């Protein structure tokens, strides 16, 4: 006998399980938010202390990545606290609209920031030496990045809503009866079952995710091709090629982290807006929604490890912060030695100009 895609009973969701799932995911989310604030504040502090943020555009936007993640966590913690303590059948869309809009803006800003850095890396590999960067340039570029992110995310304000665990579009009639019929289940943020959600999710997927991803991949490939060409022609030294490739690999690693952490929620949102997941079990869809939201808060948590692997003196500074625990009296002699400190992140200058900027 045939059955509809949602005719089966959920395989695990009961009233108690729903509440336990909500408590567990909320607790993990707040832990990730706190850890992320500490980590990103440490990265920003190290870069500011070493006075390398304004050395060049790449340094500035590596700093900007950590700053954006701080903003993301601070903007979303309020709505998340509200949603975690208010279990009601009344619709409260404003916290969800605020959460989804803030989250979407920061996600788009991550991707576009990585595009700016990849452009910087490409220009370093393909162009002759450049003059010192003006103080105004990075702030003008930041304004353009955030404006682009707002444009990508604006439709989300209209299409976002607050729903209970039973309110997502994949819920069947059978799910709302029986064990969960009289249960005050938690709420989560979702999108309207409407053409507006298709518009907002598709626009965001294309402009904030797909296009930046294609641009980044293209530029990184072209960067490697230019470095190989210059190396084969003997126009740059082996040491310079290795240094530039090392920085490019670091940025590719950072980009992969953002794609892995933010890609699932962007893709799932678009697929659900077109009912592509309607044939999937309600329980699986719910778990996918929760996991994809949590993955956003994993973004940047591993960035210090990436920096420490590729930049030896960053590793020393980070270790110093961990060991000092509030009373760091470490000598500044090491901090002022010319080396691969974060100053090595100024990836877009010639070797001669790079050497003059090294910290």
C-alpha atoms as a PDB file:
ATOM      1  CA  UNK A   1       0.000   0.000   0.000  1.00  0.00           C
ATOM      2  CA  UNK A   2       1.441   3.379  -1.002  1.00  0.00           C
ATOM      3  CA  UNK A   3       1.768   6.179   1.463  1.00  0.00           C
ATOM      4  CA  UNK A   4       2.543   9.860   1.313  1.00  0.00           C
ATOM      5  CA  UNK A   5       6.065  11.036   2.053  1.00  0.00           C
ATOM      6  CA  UNK A   6       5.083  12.102   5.544  1.00  0.00           C
ATOM      7  CA  UNK A   7       2.552   9.411   6.446  1.00  0.00           C
ATOM      8  CA  UNK A   8       4.957   7.614   8.763  1.00  0.00           C
ATOM      9  CA  UNK A   9       5.210   8.521  12.441  1.00  0.00           C
ATOM     10  CA  UNK A  10       8.411  10.327  13.462  1.00  0.00           C
ATOM     11  CA  UNK A  11      10.997   7.804  14.499  1.00  0.00           C
ATOM     12  CA  UNK A  12      12.178   9.586  17.626  1.00  0.00           C
ATOM     13  CA  UNK A  13      10.388  12.861  18.300  1.00  0.00           C
ATOM     14  CA  UNK A  14       8.269  12.928  21.425  1.00  0.00           C
ATOM     15  CA  UNK A  15       7.455  15.866  23.649  1.00  0.00           C
ATOM     16  CA  UNK A  16      10.339  15.099  26.010  1.00  0.00           C
ATOM     17  CA  UNK A  17      12.755  14.450  23.165  1.00  0.00           C
ATOM     18  CA  UNK A  18      11.814  17.715  21.484  1.00  0.00           C
ATOM     19  CA  UNK A  19      12.542  19.700  24.631  1.00  0.00           C
ATOM     20  CA  UNK A  20      15.763  17.794  25.285  1.00  0.00           C
ATOM     21  CA  UNK A  21      16.896  18.394  21.706  1.00  0.00           C
ATOM     22  CA  UNK A  22      16.169  22.105  22.099  1.00  0.00           C
ATOM     23  CA  UNK A  23      18.042  22.373  25.404  1.00  0.00           C
ATOM     24  CA  UNK A  24      21.060  20.498  24.055  1.00  0.00           C
ATOM     25  CA  UNK A  25      21.316  22.524  20.855  1.00  0.00           C
ATOM     26  CA  UNK A  26      20.810  25.819  22.707  1.00  0.00           C
ATOM     27  CA  UNK A  27      23.452  24.981  25.304  1.00  0.00           C
ATOM     28  CA  UNK A  28      25.943  23.982  22.611  1.00  0.00           C
ATOM     29  CA  UNK A  29      25.139  27.130  20.655  1.00  0.00           C
ATOM     30  CA  UNK A  30      25.837  29.415  23.623  1.00  0.00           C
ATOM     31  CA  UNK A  31      29.087  27.576  24.369  1.00  0.00           C
ATOM     32  CA  UNK A  32      30.198  28.048  20.758  1.00  0.00           C
ATOM     33  CA  UNK A  33      29.248  31.730  20.896  1.00  0.00           C
ATOM     34  CA  UNK A  34      31.334  32.278  24.032  1.00  0.00           C
ATOM     35  CA  UNK A  35      34.350  30.375  22.693  1.00  0.00           C
ATOM     36  CA  UNK A  36      34.131  32.270  19.415  1.00  0.00           C
ATOM     37  CA  UNK A  37      34.082  35.634  21.188  1.00  0.00           C
ATOM     38  CA  UNK A  38      37.211  34.738  23.156  1.00  0.00           C
ATOM     39  CA  UNK A  39      39.059  33.380  20.111  1.00  0.00           C
ATOM     40  CA  UNK A  40      38.212  36.238  17.768  1.00  0.00           C
ATOM     41  CA  UNK A  41      38.975  38.843  20.405  1.00  0.00           C
ATOM     42  CA  UNK A  42      42.384  37.209  20.881  1.00  0.00           C
ATOM     43  CA  UNK A  43      43.134  37.258  17.134  1.00  0.00           C
ATOM     44  CA  UNK A  44      42.088  40.906  16.848  1.00  0.00           C
ATOM     45  CA  UNK A  45      44.131  41.770  19.927  1.00  0.00           C
ATOM     46  CA  UNK A  46      47.288  40.156  18.572  1.00  0.00           C
ATOM     47  CA  UNK A  47      46.984  41.956  15.252  1.00  0.00           C
ATOM     48  CA  UNK A  48      46.278  45.318  16.886  1.00  0.00           C
ATOM     49  CA  UNK A  49      49.127  44.900  19.363  1.00  0.00           C
ATOM     50  CA  UNK A  50      51.566  44.190  16.563  1.00  0.00           C
ATOM     51  CA  UNK A  51      50.269  47.215  14.594  1.00  0.00           C
ATOM     52  CA  UNK A  52      49.922  45.317  11.336  1.00  0.00           C
ATOM     53  CA  UNK A  53      46.206  45.768  10.614  1.00  0.00           C
ATOM     54  CA  UNK A  54      46.722  48.718   8.269  1.00  0.00           C
ATOM     55  CA  UNK A  55      49.921  47.489   6.629  1.00  0.00           C
ATOM     56  CA  UNK A  56      47.957  46.466   3.544  1.00  0.00           C
ATOM     57  CA  UNK A  57      44.520  45.442   2.362  1.00  0.00           C
ATOM     58  CA  UNK A  58      44.996  41.725   3.015  1.00  0.00           C
ATOM     59  CA  UNK A  59      46.047  42.261   6.626  1.00  0.00           C
ATOM     60  CA  UNK A  60      43.086  44.541   7.181  1.00  0.00           C
ATOM     61  CA  UNK A  61      40.576  42.053   5.819  1.00  0.00           C
ATOM     62  CA  UNK A  62      42.034  39.115   7.723  1.00  0.00           C
ATOM     63  CA  UNK A  63      41.423  41.280  10.793  1.00  0.00           C
ATOM     64  CA  UNK A  64      37.972  42.069   9.371  1.00  0.00           C
ATOM     65  CA  UNK A  65      37.072  38.358   9.235  1.00  0.00           C
ATOM     66  CA  UNK A  66      37.556  38.036  12.991  1.00  0.00           C
ATOM     67  CA  UNK A  67      35.778  41.329  13.646  1.00  0.00           C
ATOM     68  CA  UNK A  68      32.756  40.231  11.581  1.00  0.00           C
ATOM     69  CA  UNK A  69      32.557  36.964  13.494  1.00  0.00           C
ATOM     70  CA  UNK A  70      32.531  38.932  16.746  1.00  0.00           C
ATOM     71  CA  UNK A  71      29.710  41.122  15.421  1.00  0.00           C
ATOM     72  CA  UNK A  72      27.785  38.048  14.272  1.00  0.00           C
ATOM     73  CA  UNK A  73      27.920  36.432  17.699  1.00  0.00           C
ATOM     74  CA  UNK A  74      27.034  39.612  19.567  1.00  0.00           C
ATOM     75  CA  UNK A  75      24.094  40.412  17.284  1.00  0.00           C
ATOM     76  CA  UNK A  76      22.583  36.935  17.372  1.00  0.00           C
ATOM     77  CA  UNK A  77      22.990  36.065  21.050  1.00  0.00           C
ATOM     78  CA  UNK A  78      20.035  38.284  22.108  1.00  0.00           C
ATOM     79  CA  UNK A  79      17.433  36.748  19.783  1.00  0.00           C
ATOM     80  CA  UNK A  80      18.746  33.270  20.603  1.00  0.00           C
ATOM     81  CA  UNK A  81      18.326  33.868  24.327  1.00  0.00           C
ATOM     82  CA  UNK A  82      14.774  35.071  23.744  1.00  0.00           C
ATOM     83  CA  UNK A  83      13.883  32.064  21.607  1.00  0.00           C
ATOM     84  CA  UNK A  84      15.415  29.689  24.137  1.00  0.00           C
ATOM     85  CA  UNK A  85      13.352  30.942  27.085  1.00  0.00           C
ATOM     86  CA  UNK A  86      10.025  31.682  25.395  1.00  0.00           C
ATOM     87  CA  UNK A  87       8.082  28.506  24.660  1.00  0.00           C
ATOM     88  CA  UNK A  88       4.779  29.838  23.449  1.00  0.00           C
ATOM     89  CA  UNK A  89       2.257  29.138  20.754  1.00  0.00           C
ATOM     90  CA  UNK A  90       2.134  32.850  19.900  1.00  0.00           C
ATOM     91  CA  UNK A  91       4.041  33.951  16.843  1.00  0.00           C
ATOM     92  CA  UNK A  92       7.019  36.162  17.712  1.00  0.00           C
ATOM     93  CA  UNK A  93       8.576  36.947  14.356  1.00  0.00           C
ATOM     94  CA  UNK A  94      10.643  40.002  15.276  1.00  0.00           C
ATOM     95  CA  UNK A  95      13.428  38.093  17.116  1.00  0.00           C
ATOM     96  CA  UNK A  96      13.655  35.640  14.213  1.00  0.00           C
ATOM     97  CA  UNK A  97      13.715  38.413  11.622  1.00  0.00           C
ATOM     98  CA  UNK A  98      16.514  40.088  13.578  1.00  0.00           C
ATOM     99  CA  UNK A  99      18.418  36.827  13.934  1.00  0.00           C
ATOM    100  CA  UNK A 100      18.051  35.769  10.291  1.00  0.00           C
ATOM    101  CA  UNK A 101      18.873  39.229   8.938  1.00  0.00           C
ATOM    102  CA  UNK A 102      21.959  39.638  11.161  1.00  0.00           C
ATOM    103  CA  UNK A 103      23.092  36.119  10.361  1.00  0.00           C
ATOM    104  CA  UNK A 104      22.598  36.586   6.613  1.00  0.00           C
ATOM    105  CA  UNK A 105      24.458  39.903   6.536  1.00  0.00           C
ATOM    106  CA  UNK A 106      27.448  38.483   8.414  1.00  0.00           C
ATOM    107  CA  UNK A 107      27.503  35.340   6.270  1.00  0.00           C
ATOM    108  CA  UNK A 108      27.540  37.390   3.068  1.00  0.00           C
ATOM    109  CA  UNK A 109      30.229  39.629   4.550  1.00  0.00           C
ATOM    110  CA  UNK A 110      32.427  36.577   5.233  1.00  0.00           C
ATOM    111  CA  UNK A 111      32.241  35.442   1.617  1.00  0.00           C
ATOM    112  CA  UNK A 112      32.754  38.886   0.083  1.00  0.00           C
ATOM    113  CA  UNK A 113      35.657  39.590   2.452  1.00  0.00           C
ATOM    114  CA  UNK A 114      37.360  36.429   1.245  1.00  0.00           C
ATOM    115  CA  UNK A 115      36.811  37.607  -2.336  1.00  0.00           C
ATOM    116  CA  UNK A 116      38.575  40.889  -1.503  1.00  0.00           C
ATOM    117  CA  UNK A 117      41.529  38.991  -0.022  1.00  0.00           C
ATOM    118  CA  UNK A 118      41.706  36.635  -3.008  1.00  0.00           C
ATOM    119  CA  UNK A 119      41.732  39.661  -5.348  1.00  0.00           C
ATOM    120  CA  UNK A 120      44.571  41.103  -3.297  1.00  0.00           C
ATOM    121  CA  UNK A 121      46.539  37.855  -3.551  1.00  0.00           C
ATOM    122  CA  UNK A 122      45.943  37.680  -7.291  1.00  0.00           C
ATOM    123  CA  UNK A 123      47.119  41.282  -7.814  1.00  0.00           C
ATOM    124  CA  UNK A 124      50.286  40.527  -5.898  1.00  0.00           C
ATOM    125  CA  UNK A 125      51.063  37.568  -8.145  1.00  0.00           C
ATOM    126  CA  UNK A 126      50.151  39.221 -11.446  1.00  0.00           C
ATOM    127  CA  UNK A 127      51.065  42.903 -11.059  1.00  0.00           C
ATOM    128  CA  UNK A 128      54.218  44.936 -10.445  1.00  0.00           C
ATOM    129  CA  UNK A 129      54.986  46.478  -7.018  1.00  0.00           C
ATOM    130  CA  UNK A 130      52.481  48.943  -5.663  1.00  0.00           C
ATOM    131  CA  UNK A 131      52.688  52.014  -3.528  1.00  0.00           C
ATOM    132  CA  UNK A 132      51.801  52.128   0.134  1.00  0.00           C
ATOM    133  CA  UNK A 133      48.092  51.674   0.788  1.00  0.00           C
ATOM    134  CA  UNK A 134      46.215  54.823   1.755  1.00  0.00           C
ATOM    135  CA  UNK A 135      44.536  54.894   5.147  1.00  0.00           C
ATOM    136  CA  UNK A 136      41.110  55.501   3.634  1.00  0.00           C
ATOM    137  CA  UNK A 137      41.103  52.632   1.141  1.00  0.00           C
ATOM    138  CA  UNK A 138      40.345  49.702   3.486  1.00  0.00           C
ATOM    139  CA  UNK A 139      37.443  51.532   5.106  1.00  0.00           C
ATOM    140  CA  UNK A 140      35.952  52.401   1.715  1.00  0.00           C
ATOM    141  CA  UNK A 141      36.220  48.750   0.674  1.00  0.00           C
ATOM    142  CA  UNK A 142      34.605  47.674   3.954  1.00  0.00           C
ATOM    143  CA  UNK A 143      31.685  50.016   3.296  1.00  0.00           C
ATOM    144  CA  UNK A 144      31.179  48.465  -0.157  1.00  0.00           C
ATOM    145  CA  UNK A 145      31.392  44.932   1.295  1.00  0.00           C
ATOM    146  CA  UNK A 146      28.750  45.627   3.943  1.00  0.00           C
ATOM    147  CA  UNK A 147      26.483  47.428   1.465  1.00  0.00           C
ATOM    148  CA  UNK A 148      26.640  44.406  -0.843  1.00  0.00           C
ATOM    149  CA  UNK A 149      25.856  42.100   2.113  1.00  0.00           C
ATOM    150  CA  UNK A 150      22.835  44.213   3.100  1.00  0.00           C
ATOM    151  CA  UNK A 151      21.487  44.094  -0.458  1.00  0.00           C
ATOM    152  CA  UNK A 152      21.850  40.294  -0.543  1.00  0.00           C
ATOM    153  CA  UNK A 153      20.159  39.889   2.842  1.00  0.00           C
ATOM    154  CA  UNK A 154      17.359  42.473   2.721  1.00  0.00           C
ATOM    155  CA  UNK A 155      14.639  40.105   1.391  1.00  0.00           C
ATOM    156  CA  UNK A 156      15.252  37.811   4.377  1.00  0.00           C
ATOM    157  CA  UNK A 157      13.528  40.339   6.650  1.00  0.00           C
ATOM    158  CA  UNK A 158      10.186  39.732   4.966  1.00  0.00           C
ATOM    159  CA  UNK A 159      10.440  35.975   4.491  1.00  0.00           C
ATOM    160  CA  UNK A 160      11.598  35.030   8.031  1.00  0.00           C
ATOM    161  CA  UNK A 161       9.236  33.787  10.694  1.00  0.00           C
ATOM    162  CA  UNK A 162       9.175  32.028  14.027  1.00  0.00           C
ATOM    163  CA  UNK A 163       7.690  28.518  14.088  1.00  0.00           C
ATOM    164  CA  UNK A 164       7.509  25.640  16.522  1.00  0.00           C
ATOM    165  CA  UNK A 165       9.316  22.405  15.806  1.00  0.00           C
ATOM    166  CA  UNK A 166       5.989  21.245  14.358  1.00  0.00           C
ATOM    167  CA  UNK A 167       5.632  24.308  12.160  1.00  0.00           C
ATOM    168  CA  UNK A 168       8.251  23.591   9.530  1.00  0.00           C
ATOM    169  CA  UNK A 169       6.896  22.900   6.064  1.00  0.00           C
ATOM    170  CA  UNK A 170       7.941  19.223   6.074  1.00  0.00           C
ATOM    171  CA  UNK A 171       5.648  18.424   9.015  1.00  0.00           C
ATOM    172  CA  UNK A 172       2.863  15.983   8.245  1.00  0.00           C
ATOM    173  CA  UNK A 173      -0.622  15.893   9.734  1.00  0.00           C
ATOM    174  CA  UNK A 174       0.248  12.723  11.626  1.00  0.00           C
ATOM    175  CA  UNK A 175       3.153  14.472  13.334  1.00  0.00           C
ATOM    176  CA  UNK A 176       0.915  17.106  14.865  1.00  0.00           C
ATOM    177  CA  UNK A 177      -1.307  14.461  16.411  1.00  0.00           C
ATOM    178  CA  UNK A 178      -0.672  11.884  19.065  1.00  0.00           C
ATOM    179  CA  UNK A 179       2.434  12.351  21.196  1.00  0.00           C
ATOM    180  CA  UNK A 180       3.045  16.001  20.285  1.00  0.00           C
ATOM    181  CA  UNK A 181      -0.528  17.186  20.041  1.00  0.00           C
ATOM    182  CA  UNK A 182      -0.632  18.938  23.435  1.00  0.00           C
ATOM    183  CA  UNK A 183       3.087  19.544  23.831  1.00  0.00           C
ATOM    184  CA  UNK A 184       4.516  23.029  24.214  1.00  0.00           C
ATOM    185  CA  UNK A 185       7.434  22.458  21.882  1.00  0.00           C
ATOM    186  CA  UNK A 186      10.333  24.842  21.259  1.00  0.00           C
ATOM    187  CA  UNK A 187      10.486  27.422  18.496  1.00  0.00           C
ATOM    188  CA  UNK A 188      12.987  27.963  15.742  1.00  0.00           C
ATOM    189  CA  UNK A 189      13.503  30.429  12.915  1.00  0.00           C
ATOM    190  CA  UNK A 190      12.269  29.387   9.497  1.00  0.00           C
ATOM    191  CA  UNK A 191      11.069  30.903   6.233  1.00  0.00           C
ATOM    192  CA  UNK A 192       7.535  31.559   5.033  1.00  0.00           C
ATOM    193  CA  UNK A 193       5.966  28.997   2.731  1.00  0.00           C
ATOM    194  CA  UNK A 194       5.701  31.641   0.065  1.00  0.00           C
ATOM    195  CA  UNK A 195       7.300  32.908  -3.156  1.00  0.00           C
ATOM    196  CA  UNK A 196       9.186  35.454  -1.041  1.00  0.00           C
ATOM    197  CA  UNK A 197      11.243  32.711   0.579  1.00  0.00           C
ATOM    198  CA  UNK A 198      12.172  31.362  -2.858  1.00  0.00           C
ATOM    199  CA  UNK A 199      13.240  34.840  -3.932  1.00  0.00           C
ATOM    200  CA  UNK A 200      15.268  35.577  -0.800  1.00  0.00           C
ATOM    201  CA  UNK A 201      16.942  32.161  -0.579  1.00  0.00           C
ATOM    202  CA  UNK A 202      17.813  32.059  -4.292  1.00  0.00           C
ATOM    203  CA  UNK A 203      19.102  35.625  -4.339  1.00  0.00           C
ATOM    204  CA  UNK A 204      21.214  34.955  -1.273  1.00  0.00           C
ATOM    205  CA  UNK A 205      22.546  31.649  -2.589  1.00  0.00           C
ATOM    206  CA  UNK A 206      23.609  33.172  -5.907  1.00  0.00           C
ATOM    207  CA  UNK A 207      24.903  36.585  -4.774  1.00  0.00           C
ATOM    208  CA  UNK A 208      26.315  35.791  -1.338  1.00  0.00           C
ATOM    209  CA  UNK A 209      27.545  32.231  -1.826  1.00  0.00           C
ATOM    210  CA  UNK A 210      27.819  30.896  -5.381  1.00  0.00           C
ATOM    211  CA  UNK A 211      29.268  33.937  -7.163  1.00  0.00           C
ATOM    212  CA  UNK A 212      31.872  34.693  -4.454  1.00  0.00           C
ATOM    213  CA  UNK A 213      32.845  31.015  -4.367  1.00  0.00           C
ATOM    214  CA  UNK A 214      33.378  30.892  -8.141  1.00  0.00           C
ATOM    215  CA  UNK A 215      35.394  34.128  -8.043  1.00  0.00           C
ATOM    216  CA  UNK A 216      37.586  32.862  -5.187  1.00  0.00           C
ATOM    217  CA  UNK A 217      38.317  29.517  -6.854  1.00  0.00           C
ATOM    218  CA  UNK A 218      39.116  31.227 -10.171  1.00  0.00           C
ATOM    219  CA  UNK A 219      41.448  33.764  -8.567  1.00  0.00           C
ATOM    220  CA  UNK A 220      43.282  31.190  -6.453  1.00  0.00           C
ATOM    221  CA  UNK A 221      43.873  29.010  -9.535  1.00  0.00           C
ATOM    222  CA  UNK A 222      45.107  32.007 -11.518  1.00  0.00           C
ATOM    223  CA  UNK A 223      47.377  33.016  -8.633  1.00  0.00           C
ATOM    224  CA  UNK A 224      49.085  29.617  -8.673  1.00  0.00           C
ATOM    225  CA  UNK A 225      49.459  29.839 -12.441  1.00  0.00           C
ATOM    226  CA  UNK A 226      51.106  33.261 -12.231  1.00  0.00           C
ATOM    227  CA  UNK A 227      53.447  32.112  -9.457  1.00  0.00           C
ATOM    228  CA  UNK A 228      54.458  29.071 -11.522  1.00  0.00           C
ATOM    229  CA  UNK A 229      55.045  31.266 -14.570  1.00  0.00           C
ATOM    230  CA  UNK A 230      57.237  33.731 -12.652  1.00  0.00           C
ATOM    231  CA  UNK A 231      59.172  30.913 -11.025  1.00  0.00           C
ATOM    232  CA  UNK A 232      59.827  29.148 -14.333  1.00  0.00           C
ATOM    233  CA  UNK A 233      60.929  32.403 -15.963  1.00  0.00           C
ATOM    234  CA  UNK A 234      63.293  33.162 -13.089  1.00  0.00           C
ATOM    235  CA  UNK A 235      61.748  36.571 -12.414  1.00  0.00           C
ATOM    236  CA  UNK A 236      61.223  35.772  -8.713  1.00  0.00           C
ATOM    237  CA  UNK A 237      63.245  33.725  -6.269  1.00  0.00           C
ATOM    238  CA  UNK A 238      62.367  30.303  -4.909  1.00  0.00           C
ATOM    239  CA  UNK A 239      61.959  31.803  -1.412  1.00  0.00           C
ATOM    240  CA  UNK A 240      59.467  34.378  -2.688  1.00  0.00           C
ATOM    241  CA  UNK A 241      57.433  31.722  -4.490  1.00  0.00           C
ATOM    242  CA  UNK A 242      57.343  29.552  -1.365  1.00  0.00           C
ATOM    243  CA  UNK A 243      56.292  32.489   0.811  1.00  0.00           C
ATOM    244  CA  UNK A 244      53.487  33.512  -1.542  1.00  0.00           C
ATOM    245  CA  UNK A 245      52.266  29.951  -1.963  1.00  0.00           C
ATOM    246  CA  UNK A 246      52.257  29.502   1.795  1.00  0.00           C
ATOM    247  CA  UNK A 247      50.074  32.563   2.265  1.00  0.00           C
ATOM    248  CA  UNK A 248      47.780  31.451  -0.573  1.00  0.00           C
ATOM    249  CA  UNK A 249      47.374  28.021   1.033  1.00  0.00           C
ATOM    250  CA  UNK A 250      46.482  29.681   4.329  1.00  0.00           C
ATOM    251  CA  UNK A 251      43.769  31.754   2.664  1.00  0.00           C
ATOM    252  CA  UNK A 252      42.412  28.697   0.838  1.00  0.00           C
ATOM    253  CA  UNK A 253      42.160  26.943   4.205  1.00  0.00           C
ATOM    254  CA  UNK A 254      40.297  29.912   5.699  1.00  0.00           C
ATOM    255  CA  UNK A 255      37.964  29.981   2.694  1.00  0.00           C
ATOM    256  CA  UNK A 256      37.224  26.261   2.996  1.00  0.00           C
ATOM    257  CA  UNK A 257      36.326  26.782   6.647  1.00  0.00           C
ATOM    258  CA  UNK A 258      33.761  29.456   5.770  1.00  0.00           C
ATOM    259  CA  UNK A 259      32.306  27.372   2.934  1.00  0.00           C
ATOM    260  CA  UNK A 260      31.991  24.266   5.119  1.00  0.00           C
ATOM    261  CA  UNK A 261      30.410  26.134   8.034  1.00  0.00           C
ATOM    262  CA  UNK A 262      28.045  28.440   6.110  1.00  0.00           C
ATOM    263  CA  UNK A 263      27.418  26.481   2.928  1.00  0.00           C
ATOM    264  CA  UNK A 264      24.999  23.875   4.359  1.00  0.00           C
ATOM    265  CA  UNK A 265      22.538  26.374   5.857  1.00  0.00           C
ATOM    266  CA  UNK A 266      22.509  28.435   2.639  1.00  0.00           C
ATOM    267  CA  UNK A 267      21.972  25.376   0.438  1.00  0.00           C
ATOM    268  CA  UNK A 268      19.348  23.763   2.686  1.00  0.00           C
ATOM    269  CA  UNK A 269      17.364  26.993   2.887  1.00  0.00           C
ATOM    270  CA  UNK A 270      17.159  27.258  -0.884  1.00  0.00           C
ATOM    271  CA  UNK A 271      16.288  23.574  -1.378  1.00  0.00           C
ATOM    272  CA  UNK A 272      13.499  23.769   1.215  1.00  0.00           C
ATOM    273  CA  UNK A 273      12.023  26.907  -0.358  1.00  0.00           C
ATOM    274  CA  UNK A 274      11.378  24.839  -3.516  1.00  0.00           C
ATOM    275  CA  UNK A 275       9.996  21.859  -1.522  1.00  0.00           C
ATOM    276  CA  UNK A 276      12.862  19.648  -2.665  1.00  0.00           C
ATOM    277  CA  UNK A 277      13.168  18.114   0.814  1.00  0.00           C
ATOM    278  CA  UNK A 278       9.466  17.354   1.185  1.00  0.00           C
ATOM    279  CA  UNK A 279      10.127  13.668   0.600  1.00  0.00           C
ATOM    280  CA  UNK A 280      12.623  13.507   3.462  1.00  0.00           C
ATOM    281  CA  UNK A 281      11.527  12.419   6.930  1.00  0.00           C
ATOM    282  CA  UNK A 282      10.444  15.271   9.189  1.00  0.00           C
ATOM    283  CA  UNK A 283      12.874  14.195  11.907  1.00  0.00           C
ATOM    284  CA  UNK A 284      15.838  14.230   9.530  1.00  0.00           C
ATOM    285  CA  UNK A 285      14.922  17.670   8.203  1.00  0.00           C
ATOM    286  CA  UNK A 286      14.643  19.029  11.737  1.00  0.00           C
ATOM    287  CA  UNK A 287      18.045  17.634  12.702  1.00  0.00           C
ATOM    288  CA  UNK A 288      19.573  19.034   9.503  1.00  0.00           C
ATOM    289  CA  UNK A 289      18.180  22.472  10.332  1.00  0.00           C
ATOM    290  CA  UNK A 290      19.596  22.420  13.852  1.00  0.00           C
ATOM    291  CA  UNK A 291      23.011  21.087  12.803  1.00  0.00           C
ATOM    292  CA  UNK A 292      23.362  23.555   9.926  1.00  0.00           C
ATOM    293  CA  UNK A 293      22.568  26.446  12.268  1.00  0.00           C
ATOM    294  CA  UNK A 294      25.128  25.231  14.799  1.00  0.00           C
ATOM    295  CA  UNK A 295      27.780  24.901  12.101  1.00  0.00           C
ATOM    296  CA  UNK A 296      27.651  28.659  11.520  1.00  0.00           C
ATOM    297  CA  UNK A 297      28.988  29.144  15.034  1.00  0.00           C
ATOM    298  CA  UNK A 298      31.908  26.808  14.334  1.00  0.00           C
ATOM    299  CA  UNK A 299      33.208  29.281  11.775  1.00  0.00           C
ATOM    300  CA  UNK A 300      36.507  30.901  12.768  1.00  0.00           C
ATOM    301  CA  UNK A 301      36.993  28.684  15.835  1.00  0.00           C
ATOM    302  CA  UNK A 302      39.897  26.981  14.077  1.00  0.00           C
ATOM    303  CA  UNK A 303      41.367  30.136  12.540  1.00  0.00           C
ATOM    304  CA  UNK A 304      43.980  30.578  15.292  1.00  0.00           C
ATOM    305  CA  UNK A 305      45.228  27.057  14.556  1.00  0.00           C
ATOM    306  CA  UNK A 306      45.483  27.936  10.870  1.00  0.00           C
ATOM    307  CA  UNK A 307      47.375  31.150  11.659  1.00  0.00           C
ATOM    308  CA  UNK A 308      49.618  29.323  14.120  1.00  0.00           C
ATOM    309  CA  UNK A 309      50.464  26.642  11.546  1.00  0.00           C
ATOM    310  CA  UNK A 310      51.369  29.055   8.771  1.00  0.00           C
ATOM    311  CA  UNK A 311      52.758  31.987  10.823  1.00  0.00           C
ATOM    312  CA  UNK A 312      55.361  30.976  13.440  1.00  0.00           C
ATOM    313  CA  UNK A 313      55.336  34.227  15.429  1.00  0.00           C
ATOM    314  CA  UNK A 314      51.556  34.225  15.662  1.00  0.00           C
ATOM    315  CA  UNK A 315      51.937  30.857  17.351  1.00  0.00           C
ATOM    316  CA  UNK A 316      54.327  32.441  19.867  1.00  0.00           C
ATOM    317  CA  UNK A 317      51.948  35.318  20.583  1.00  0.00           C
ATOM    318  CA  UNK A 318      48.969  32.984  20.957  1.00  0.00           C
ATOM    319  CA  UNK A 319      50.900  30.693  23.268  1.00  0.00           C
ATOM    320  CA  UNK A 320      51.982  33.732  25.260  1.00  0.00           C
ATOM    321  CA  UNK A 321      48.354  34.777  25.757  1.00  0.00           C
ATOM    322  CA  UNK A 322      47.415  31.286  26.918  1.00  0.00           C
ATOM    323  CA  UNK A 323      50.331  31.042  29.370  1.00  0.00           C
ATOM    324  CA  UNK A 324      50.173  34.562  30.738  1.00  0.00           C
ATOM    325  CA  UNK A 325      46.479  34.426  31.735  1.00  0.00           C
ATOM    326  CA  UNK A 326      46.166  38.077  32.570  1.00  0.00           C
ATOM    327  CA  UNK A 327      49.678  38.956  33.715  1.00  0.00           C
ATOM    328  CA  UNK A 328      51.706  38.668  30.569  1.00  0.00           C
ATOM    329  CA  UNK A 329      55.151  40.168  31.050  1.00  0.00           C
ATOM    330  CA  UNK A 330      56.685  38.657  27.960  1.00  0.00           C
ATOM    331  CA  UNK A 331      59.561  40.649  26.491  1.00  0.00           C
ATOM    332  CA  UNK A 332      58.827  42.643  23.364  1.00  0.00           C
ATOM    333  CA  UNK A 333      62.232  41.813  21.887  1.00  0.00           C
ATOM    334  CA  UNK A 334      60.913  38.753  20.095  1.00  0.00           C
ATOM    335  CA  UNK A 335      57.839  40.590  18.898  1.00  0.00           C
ATOM    336  CA  UNK A 336      59.960  43.090  17.008  1.00  0.00           C
ATOM    337  CA  UNK A 337      62.176  40.638  15.129  1.00  0.00           C
ATOM    338  CA  UNK A 338      61.773  40.581  11.322  1.00  0.00           C
ATOM    339  CA  UNK A 339      60.064  37.302  10.543  1.00  0.00           C
ATOM    340  CA  UNK A 340      56.889  35.703   9.294  1.00  0.00           C
ATOM    341  CA  UNK A 341      54.745  37.507  11.863  1.00  0.00           C
ATOM    342  CA  UNK A 342      51.273  38.406  10.711  1.00  0.00           C
ATOM    343  CA  UNK A 343      53.046  41.064   8.684  1.00  0.00           C
ATOM    344  CA  UNK A 344      53.724  38.221   6.288  1.00  0.00           C
ATOM    345  CA  UNK A 345      50.048  38.366   5.478  1.00  0.00           C
ATOM    346  CA  UNK A 346      50.640  41.444   3.340  1.00  0.00           C
ATOM    347  CA  UNK A 347      50.477  39.292   0.291  1.00  0.00           C
ATOM    348  CA  UNK A 348      50.134  41.781  -2.499  1.00  0.00           C
ATOM    349  CA  UNK A 349      53.470  43.584  -2.630  1.00  0.00           C
ATOM    350  CA  UNK A 350      56.747  42.791  -4.341  1.00  0.00           C
ATOM    351  CA  UNK A 351      59.532  41.059  -2.449  1.00  0.00           C
ATOM    352  CA  UNK A 352      61.399  44.335  -1.891  1.00  0.00           C
ATOM    353  CA  UNK A 353      58.325  46.139  -0.624  1.00  0.00           C
ATOM    354  CA  UNK A 354      57.295  43.097   1.416  1.00  0.00           C
ATOM    355  CA  UNK A 355      60.670  43.079   3.163  1.00  0.00           C
ATOM    356  CA  UNK A 356      60.273  46.723   4.093  1.00  0.00           C
ATOM    357  CA  UNK A 357      56.926  45.912   5.700  1.00  0.00           C
ATOM    358  CA  UNK A 358      57.870  42.730   7.593  1.00  0.00           C
ATOM    359  CA  UNK A 359      57.463  42.798  11.328  1.00  0.00           C
END
